[in-house]
Amino acid sequence: MIRHTVFWKFSPDVIDPEEQVEAMRLRFRALKSSCPGFLDVFVEPTLPGSTHDLVISCLFTDQEALDAYQFHPGRLALRAESTLFLTDRACADWISDL
């Protein structure tokens, strides 16, 4: 399995970070159901003192599923929308047993 984890900072324009986290959580759950090989997703705020504000961690069956996700129309739309309120992306992918 492949774990794909992305960290983001909220833009200064975000008034209600909790509302944004919940909206992202709902959108990613819907996206998961339409992407073959997309097994699980966690969308959570980070703890105080972290370098970023939000973590999104997705689990995929294999590299092929992750590659398909990267170009899925729903993911591309979500990414375009997210750039309006998220900045400073950091990403890592790794092989995971969980």
N, C-alpha and C. Protein backbone atom coordinates (compact mmCIF):
# COMPACT_ATOMS: atom_id res chain seq x y z
N MET A 1 0.84 -1.18 0.00
CA MET A 1 0.00 0.00 0.00
C MET A 1 0.89 1.24 0.00
N ILE A 2 0.33 2.32 -0.49
CA ILE A 2 1.04 3.60 -0.56
C ILE A 2 0.29 4.63 0.28
N ARG A 3 1.01 5.30 1.14
CA ARG A 3 0.44 6.39 1.93
C ARG A 3 0.90 7.70 1.29
N HIS A 4 -0.05 8.58 1.03
CA HIS A 4 0.20 9.90 0.43
C HIS A 4 -0.24 10.94 1.46
N THR A 5 0.70 11.70 1.97
CA THR A 5 0.40 12.67 3.03
C THR A 5 0.81 14.07 2.60
N VAL A 6 -0.10 15.00 2.77
CA VAL A 6 0.13 16.39 2.39
C VAL A 6 -0.15 17.29 3.59
N PHE A 7 0.75 18.21 3.83
CA PHE A 7 0.58 19.22 4.88
C PHE A 7 0.35 20.57 4.21
N TRP A 8 -0.56 21.35 4.77
CA TRP A 8 -0.89 22.67 4.23
C TRP A 8 -0.93 23.70 5.36
N LYS A 9 -0.74 24.95 4.99
CA LYS A 9 -1.03 26.08 5.88
C LYS A 9 -2.28 26.77 5.34
N PHE A 10 -3.10 27.29 6.24
CA PHE A 10 -4.24 28.09 5.82
C PHE A 10 -3.76 29.46 5.39
N SER A 11 -4.39 30.01 4.36
CA SER A 11 -4.06 31.37 3.96
C SER A 11 -4.57 32.33 5.03
N PRO A 12 -4.02 33.53 5.09
CA PRO A 12 -4.47 34.50 6.09
C PRO A 12 -5.94 34.87 5.96
N ASP A 13 -6.54 34.60 4.80
CA ASP A 13 -7.94 34.94 4.55
C ASP A 13 -8.93 33.99 5.22
N VAL A 14 -8.45 32.85 5.73
CA VAL A 14 -9.35 31.87 6.34
C VAL A 14 -9.84 32.40 7.68
N ILE A 15 -11.15 32.53 7.79
CA ILE A 15 -11.76 33.06 9.01
C ILE A 15 -12.09 31.94 10.00
N ASP A 16 -12.56 30.80 9.48
CA ASP A 16 -12.97 29.69 10.33
C ASP A 16 -12.25 28.41 9.90
N PRO A 17 -11.05 28.16 10.44
CA PRO A 17 -10.30 26.96 10.05
C PRO A 17 -11.06 25.66 10.28
N GLU A 18 -11.82 25.56 11.36
CA GLU A 18 -12.57 24.33 11.64
C GLU A 18 -13.59 24.05 10.54
N GLU A 19 -14.23 25.09 10.05
CA GLU A 19 -15.19 24.93 8.96
C GLU A 19 -14.49 24.44 7.70
N GLN A 20 -13.32 24.97 7.42
CA GLN A 20 -12.56 24.54 6.24
C GLN A 20 -12.13 23.08 6.36
N VAL A 21 -11.69 22.67 7.56
CA VAL A 21 -11.29 21.28 7.77
C VAL A 21 -12.48 20.35 7.52
N GLU A 22 -13.63 20.69 8.05
CA GLU A 22 -14.80 19.83 7.87
C GLU A 22 -15.22 19.77 6.40
N ALA A 23 -15.16 20.88 5.71
CA ALA A 23 -15.50 20.90 4.28
C ALA A 23 -14.53 20.02 3.50
N MET A 24 -13.25 20.11 3.81
CA MET A 24 -12.25 19.27 3.13
C MET A 24 -12.47 17.80 3.46
N ARG A 25 -12.79 17.51 4.68
CA ARG A 25 -13.04 16.13 5.11
C ARG A 25 -14.19 15.52 4.28
N LEU A 26 -15.26 16.27 4.14
CA LEU A 26 -16.41 15.78 3.36
C LEU A 26 -16.06 15.59 1.89
N ARG A 27 -15.33 16.53 1.33
CA ARG A 27 -14.95 16.45 -0.09
C ARG A 27 -14.03 15.26 -0.34
N PHE A 28 -13.06 15.03 0.55
CA PHE A 28 -12.15 13.92 0.36
C PHE A 28 -12.85 12.57 0.54
N ARG A 29 -13.79 12.50 1.46
CA ARG A 29 -14.54 11.25 1.61
C ARG A 29 -15.34 10.93 0.37
N ALA A 30 -15.94 11.94 -0.23
CA ALA A 30 -16.68 11.74 -1.47
C ALA A 30 -15.74 11.33 -2.60
N LEU A 31 -14.58 11.96 -2.66
CA LEU A 31 -13.60 11.63 -3.68
C LEU A 31 -13.13 10.19 -3.54
N LYS A 32 -12.92 9.76 -2.30
CA LYS A 32 -12.48 8.39 -2.03
C LYS A 32 -13.43 7.38 -2.67
N SER A 33 -14.71 7.62 -2.57
CA SER A 33 -15.68 6.65 -3.08
C SER A 33 -15.69 6.57 -4.61
N SER A 34 -15.11 7.55 -5.28
CA SER A 34 -15.12 7.53 -6.75
C SER A 34 -13.77 7.17 -7.37
N CYS A 35 -12.77 6.91 -6.54
CA CYS A 35 -11.43 6.58 -7.05
C CYS A 35 -11.09 5.12 -6.73
N PRO A 36 -10.98 4.27 -7.72
CA PRO A 36 -10.58 2.89 -7.47
C PRO A 36 -9.20 2.84 -6.80
N GLY A 37 -9.09 2.00 -5.78
CA GLY A 37 -7.82 1.84 -5.09
C GLY A 37 -7.55 2.87 -4.00
N PHE A 38 -8.47 3.80 -3.80
CA PHE A 38 -8.35 4.81 -2.74
C PHE A 38 -9.03 4.20 -1.51
N LEU A 39 -8.23 3.75 -0.56
CA LEU A 39 -8.75 2.96 0.55
C LEU A 39 -9.23 3.77 1.75
N ASP A 40 -8.50 4.82 2.08
CA ASP A 40 -8.84 5.56 3.30
C ASP A 40 -8.29 6.97 3.22
N VAL A 41 -8.88 7.87 4.01
CA VAL A 41 -8.41 9.25 4.06
C VAL A 41 -8.65 9.82 5.45
N PHE A 42 -7.67 10.60 5.90
CA PHE A 42 -7.77 11.34 7.15
C PHE A 42 -7.52 12.80 6.82
N VAL A 43 -8.39 13.67 7.27
CA VAL A 43 -8.24 15.12 7.10
C VAL A 43 -8.38 15.72 8.48
N GLU A 44 -7.28 16.24 9.01
CA GLU A 44 -7.28 16.70 10.40
C GLU A 44 -6.46 17.98 10.56
N PRO A 45 -6.86 18.83 11.49
CA PRO A 45 -6.00 19.96 11.85
C PRO A 45 -4.78 19.43 12.60
N THR A 46 -3.69 20.12 12.50
CA THR A 46 -2.50 19.71 13.23
C THR A 46 -2.55 20.30 14.65
N LEU A 47 -1.66 19.82 15.48
CA LEU A 47 -1.59 20.30 16.86
C LEU A 47 -0.87 21.65 16.92
N PRO A 48 -1.17 22.46 17.93
CA PRO A 48 -0.47 23.73 18.09
C PRO A 48 1.04 23.50 18.13
N GLY A 49 1.76 24.40 17.50
CA GLY A 49 3.21 24.29 17.46
C GLY A 49 3.71 23.59 16.20
N SER A 50 2.80 23.02 15.42
CA SER A 50 3.19 22.36 14.17
C SER A 50 3.57 23.40 13.13
N THR A 51 4.34 23.00 12.15
CA THR A 51 4.73 23.94 11.10
C THR A 51 3.63 24.20 10.08
N HIS A 52 2.63 23.32 10.03
CA HIS A 52 1.51 23.46 9.10
C HIS A 52 0.20 23.33 9.88
N ASP A 53 -0.90 23.73 9.24
CA ASP A 53 -2.20 23.78 9.92
C ASP A 53 -3.09 22.57 9.67
N LEU A 54 -2.88 21.87 8.57
CA LEU A 54 -3.78 20.82 8.13
C LEU A 54 -2.98 19.66 7.56
N VAL A 55 -3.41 18.44 7.87
CA VAL A 55 -2.80 17.26 7.28
C VAL A 55 -3.89 16.43 6.59
N ILE A 56 -3.58 15.99 5.38
CA ILE A 56 -4.45 15.10 4.63
C ILE A 56 -3.62 13.87 4.30
N SER A 57 -4.06 12.73 4.79
CA SER A 57 -3.31 11.50 4.58
C SER A 57 -4.22 10.47 3.93
N CYS A 58 -3.82 10.02 2.75
CA CYS A 58 -4.62 9.08 1.95
C CYS A 58 -3.87 7.76 1.83
N LEU A 59 -4.61 6.67 1.81
CA LEU A 59 -4.04 5.34 1.64
C LEU A 59 -4.55 4.75 0.33
N PHE A 60 -3.62 4.26 -0.49
CA PHE A 60 -3.93 3.68 -1.79
C PHE A 60 -3.41 2.24 -1.86
N THR A 61 -4.07 1.45 -2.69
CA THR A 61 -3.67 0.05 -2.81
C THR A 61 -2.26 -0.09 -3.37
N ASP A 62 -1.90 0.78 -4.32
CA ASP A 62 -0.60 0.66 -4.97
C ASP A 62 -0.27 1.96 -5.71
N GLN A 63 0.88 1.99 -6.35
CA GLN A 63 1.33 3.19 -7.07
C GLN A 63 0.38 3.53 -8.21
N GLU A 64 -0.15 2.52 -8.87
CA GLU A 64 -1.09 2.75 -9.97
C GLU A 64 -2.33 3.51 -9.49
N ALA A 65 -2.85 3.15 -8.34
CA ALA A 65 -4.02 3.84 -7.78
C ALA A 65 -3.68 5.28 -7.41
N LEU A 66 -2.50 5.49 -6.84
CA LEU A 66 -2.07 6.85 -6.50
C LEU A 66 -1.92 7.69 -7.76
N ASP A 67 -1.32 7.11 -8.79
CA ASP A 67 -1.15 7.84 -10.05
C ASP A 67 -2.50 8.21 -10.67
N ALA A 68 -3.45 7.29 -10.62
CA ALA A 68 -4.79 7.57 -11.16
C ALA A 68 -5.47 8.69 -10.37
N TYR A 69 -5.31 8.66 -9.06
CA TYR A 69 -5.88 9.70 -8.18
C TYR A 69 -5.35 11.08 -8.55
N GLN A 70 -4.06 11.17 -8.85
CA GLN A 70 -3.44 12.46 -9.15
C GLN A 70 -4.12 13.17 -10.32
N PHE A 71 -4.69 12.40 -11.26
CA PHE A 71 -5.31 12.99 -12.44
C PHE A 71 -6.83 12.82 -12.46
N HIS A 72 -7.39 12.37 -11.36
CA HIS A 72 -8.85 12.19 -11.27
C HIS A 72 -9.51 13.58 -11.34
N PRO A 73 -10.56 13.74 -12.15
CA PRO A 73 -11.21 15.06 -12.28
C PRO A 73 -11.68 15.64 -10.95
N GLY A 74 -12.19 14.81 -10.05
CA GLY A 74 -12.63 15.30 -8.75
C GLY A 74 -11.49 15.83 -7.92
N ARG A 75 -10.36 15.18 -7.99
CA ARG A 75 -9.18 15.63 -7.24
C ARG A 75 -8.64 16.93 -7.85
N LEU A 76 -8.63 17.04 -9.17
CA LEU A 76 -8.16 18.27 -9.81
C LEU A 76 -9.06 19.45 -9.47
N ALA A 77 -10.37 19.23 -9.42
CA ALA A 77 -11.30 20.30 -9.03
C ALA A 77 -11.09 20.70 -7.57
N LEU A 78 -10.91 19.71 -6.71
CA LEU A 78 -10.67 19.99 -5.29
C LEU A 78 -9.37 20.75 -5.10
N ARG A 79 -8.35 20.37 -5.83
CA ARG A 79 -7.06 21.07 -5.74
C ARG A 79 -7.20 22.52 -6.17
N ALA A 80 -7.89 22.77 -7.28
CA ALA A 80 -8.08 24.14 -7.77
C ALA A 80 -8.83 24.98 -6.74
N GLU A 81 -9.86 24.41 -6.14
CA GLU A 81 -10.64 25.12 -5.13
C GLU A 81 -9.79 25.39 -3.88
N SER A 82 -8.99 24.42 -3.50
CA SER A 82 -8.20 24.52 -2.27
C SER A 82 -7.13 25.61 -2.33
N THR A 83 -6.65 25.91 -3.52
CA THR A 83 -5.61 26.93 -3.63
C THR A 83 -6.12 28.32 -3.24
N LEU A 84 -7.44 28.45 -3.10
CA LEU A 84 -8.00 29.73 -2.67
C LEU A 84 -7.82 29.97 -1.17
N PHE A 85 -7.61 28.87 -0.39
CA PHE A 85 -7.49 29.06 1.06
C PHE A 85 -6.36 28.25 1.70
N LEU A 86 -5.56 27.56 0.88
CA LEU A 86 -4.43 26.81 1.41
C LEU A 86 -3.14 27.26 0.73
N THR A 87 -2.04 27.25 1.49
CA THR A 87 -0.74 27.65 0.96
C THR A 87 0.33 26.71 1.51
N ASP A 88 1.53 26.86 1.04
CA ASP A 88 2.72 26.21 1.59
C ASP A 88 2.56 24.70 1.75
N ARG A 89 2.44 24.02 0.64
CA ARG A 89 2.23 22.57 0.60
C ARG A 89 3.53 21.82 0.84
N ALA A 90 3.46 20.77 1.63
CA ALA A 90 4.55 19.81 1.80
C ALA A 90 3.95 18.43 1.63
N CYS A 91 4.62 17.54 0.88
CA CYS A 91 4.04 16.25 0.55
C CYS A 91 5.08 15.14 0.67
N ALA A 92 4.62 13.96 1.07
CA ALA A 92 5.47 12.77 1.10
C ALA A 92 4.62 11.54 0.79
N ASP A 93 5.19 10.62 0.04
CA ASP A 93 4.57 9.33 -0.27
C ASP A 93 5.51 8.24 0.23
N TRP A 94 4.93 7.17 0.77
CA TRP A 94 5.76 6.07 1.22
C TRP A 94 4.98 4.78 1.24
N ILE A 95 5.71 3.67 1.24
CA ILE A 95 5.09 2.36 1.33
C ILE A 95 4.66 2.14 2.77
N SER A 96 3.42 1.67 2.95
CA SER A 96 2.85 1.54 4.28
C SER A 96 2.22 0.16 4.47
N ASP A 97 2.36 -0.38 5.65
CA ASP A 97 1.67 -1.63 6.01
C ASP A 97 0.27 -1.36 6.54
N LEU A 98 -0.03 -0.11 6.87
CA LEU A 98 -1.33 0.27 7.44
C LEU A 98 -2.09 1.19 6.51
